[in-house]
Amino acid sequence: MPTVPAYDVVIVHYRNPGSVNRLLREIDQWTTLASAVYVADNSNDFEPDPTSSVGFSTVRIGMSGNVGYGPAINRAISQLDDDRP
C-alpha cells in the first residue's frame, strides 16, 4: 500500500458549530487521519467537542467578525504554513 503524505484540513465555519463537530467526527473515521484540522471561525462561536477529534489536533482560528470565505481560508492557510517546521 502506498504511503500517504501528512496533510491538514481547513474548514471555514460560520454559525453552525454542530455541523463542524459532525464533520470532525467524520474526519476522525477516515482511513488516513489528518495531522491537524484548522477551523477558521467567522462567527467566533465554535468550540470543538473534545470527543469529535480524537486522532488529530483541532486548531480554532478566531476571526474579527465574518470576514468572508476567501479571507478566512487564506488566514487559516497562513496559520498552517506558520505551524509547519
Protein backbone atom coordinates (compact mmCIF):
# COMPACT_ATOMS: atom_id res chain seq x y z
CA MET A 1 0.00 0.00 0.00
CA PRO A 2 1.44 3.42 -0.92
CA THR A 3 2.34 5.82 1.85
CA VAL A 4 0.06 8.82 2.17
CA PRO A 5 1.93 12.06 2.93
CA ALA A 6 0.93 14.02 6.01
CA TYR A 7 -1.84 16.51 5.34
CA ASP A 8 -4.01 19.05 7.16
CA VAL A 9 -7.63 20.08 6.67
CA VAL A 10 -9.04 23.61 6.67
CA ILE A 11 -12.72 24.30 7.44
CA VAL A 12 -14.37 27.72 7.26
CA HIS A 13 -17.11 28.00 9.91
CA TYR A 14 -19.97 30.46 10.27
CA ARG A 15 -22.73 29.96 12.85
CA ASN A 16 -23.06 26.18 12.63
CA PRO A 17 -20.83 24.55 15.26
CA GLY A 18 -22.89 21.35 15.30
CA SER A 19 -22.12 20.70 11.62
CA VAL A 20 -18.40 21.32 12.17
CA ASN A 21 -18.32 18.90 15.10
CA ARG A 22 -20.12 16.27 12.98
CA LEU A 23 -17.54 16.81 10.22
CA LEU A 24 -14.73 16.43 12.77
CA ARG A 25 -16.22 13.10 13.87
CA GLU A 26 -16.33 12.01 10.22
CA ILE A 27 -12.70 13.04 9.66
CA ASP A 28 -11.77 11.00 12.75
CA GLN A 29 -13.10 7.92 10.90
CA TRP A 30 -11.03 8.43 7.74
CA THR A 31 -8.58 5.66 6.90
CA THR A 32 -5.66 8.09 6.89
CA LEU A 33 -6.11 10.77 9.50
CA ALA A 34 -5.22 14.38 9.00
CA SER A 35 -2.38 15.74 11.11
CA ALA A 36 -4.49 18.72 12.15
CA VAL A 37 -7.78 20.38 11.32
CA TYR A 38 -7.83 24.19 11.24
CA VAL A 39 -11.23 25.80 11.76
CA ALA A 40 -11.43 29.39 10.55
CA ASP A 41 -14.19 30.65 12.85
CA ASN A 42 -16.02 33.52 11.16
CA SER A 43 -18.67 33.78 13.89
CA ASN A 44 -16.49 33.27 16.98
CA ASP A 45 -18.92 30.72 18.44
CA PHE A 46 -17.14 27.44 17.71
CA GLU A 47 -15.73 25.28 20.46
CA PRO A 48 -14.56 21.84 19.36
CA ASP A 49 -16.29 18.94 21.07
CA PRO A 50 -13.38 17.05 22.70
CA THR A 51 -14.85 13.71 21.61
CA SER A 52 -15.07 14.72 17.94
CA SER A 53 -11.35 14.85 17.13
CA VAL A 54 -9.52 12.06 18.90
CA GLY A 55 -6.88 11.23 16.29
CA PHE A 56 -5.75 14.74 15.34
CA SER A 57 -5.42 18.22 16.79
CA THR A 58 -8.09 20.83 16.16
CA VAL A 59 -6.89 24.42 15.87
CA ARG A 60 -9.52 27.18 16.13
CA ILE A 61 -8.57 30.40 14.37
CA GLY A 62 -10.75 33.28 15.51
CA MET A 63 -11.63 35.99 13.03
CA SER A 64 -12.58 39.60 13.73
CA GLY A 65 -16.18 39.01 12.68
CA ASN A 66 -17.38 37.49 9.44
CA VAL A 67 -14.51 38.31 7.09
CA GLY A 68 -15.90 36.03 4.37
CA TYR A 69 -14.81 32.69 2.97
CA GLY A 70 -11.77 33.82 0.96
CA PRO A 71 -10.05 35.87 3.66
CA ALA A 72 -10.86 33.21 6.29
CA ILE A 73 -9.36 30.36 4.29
CA ASN A 74 -6.31 32.49 3.42
CA ARG A 75 -5.73 33.24 7.10
CA ALA A 76 -6.11 29.57 8.02
CA ILE A 77 -3.64 28.50 5.33
CA SER A 78 -1.24 31.19 6.52
CA GLN A 79 -1.53 29.77 10.06
CA LEU A 80 -0.98 26.27 8.70
CA ASP A 81 2.20 27.45 6.96
CA ASP A 82 3.40 29.09 10.21
CA ASP A 83 2.86 25.84 12.15
CA ARG A 84 4.92 23.69 9.77
CA PRO A 85 8.60 23.10 10.56
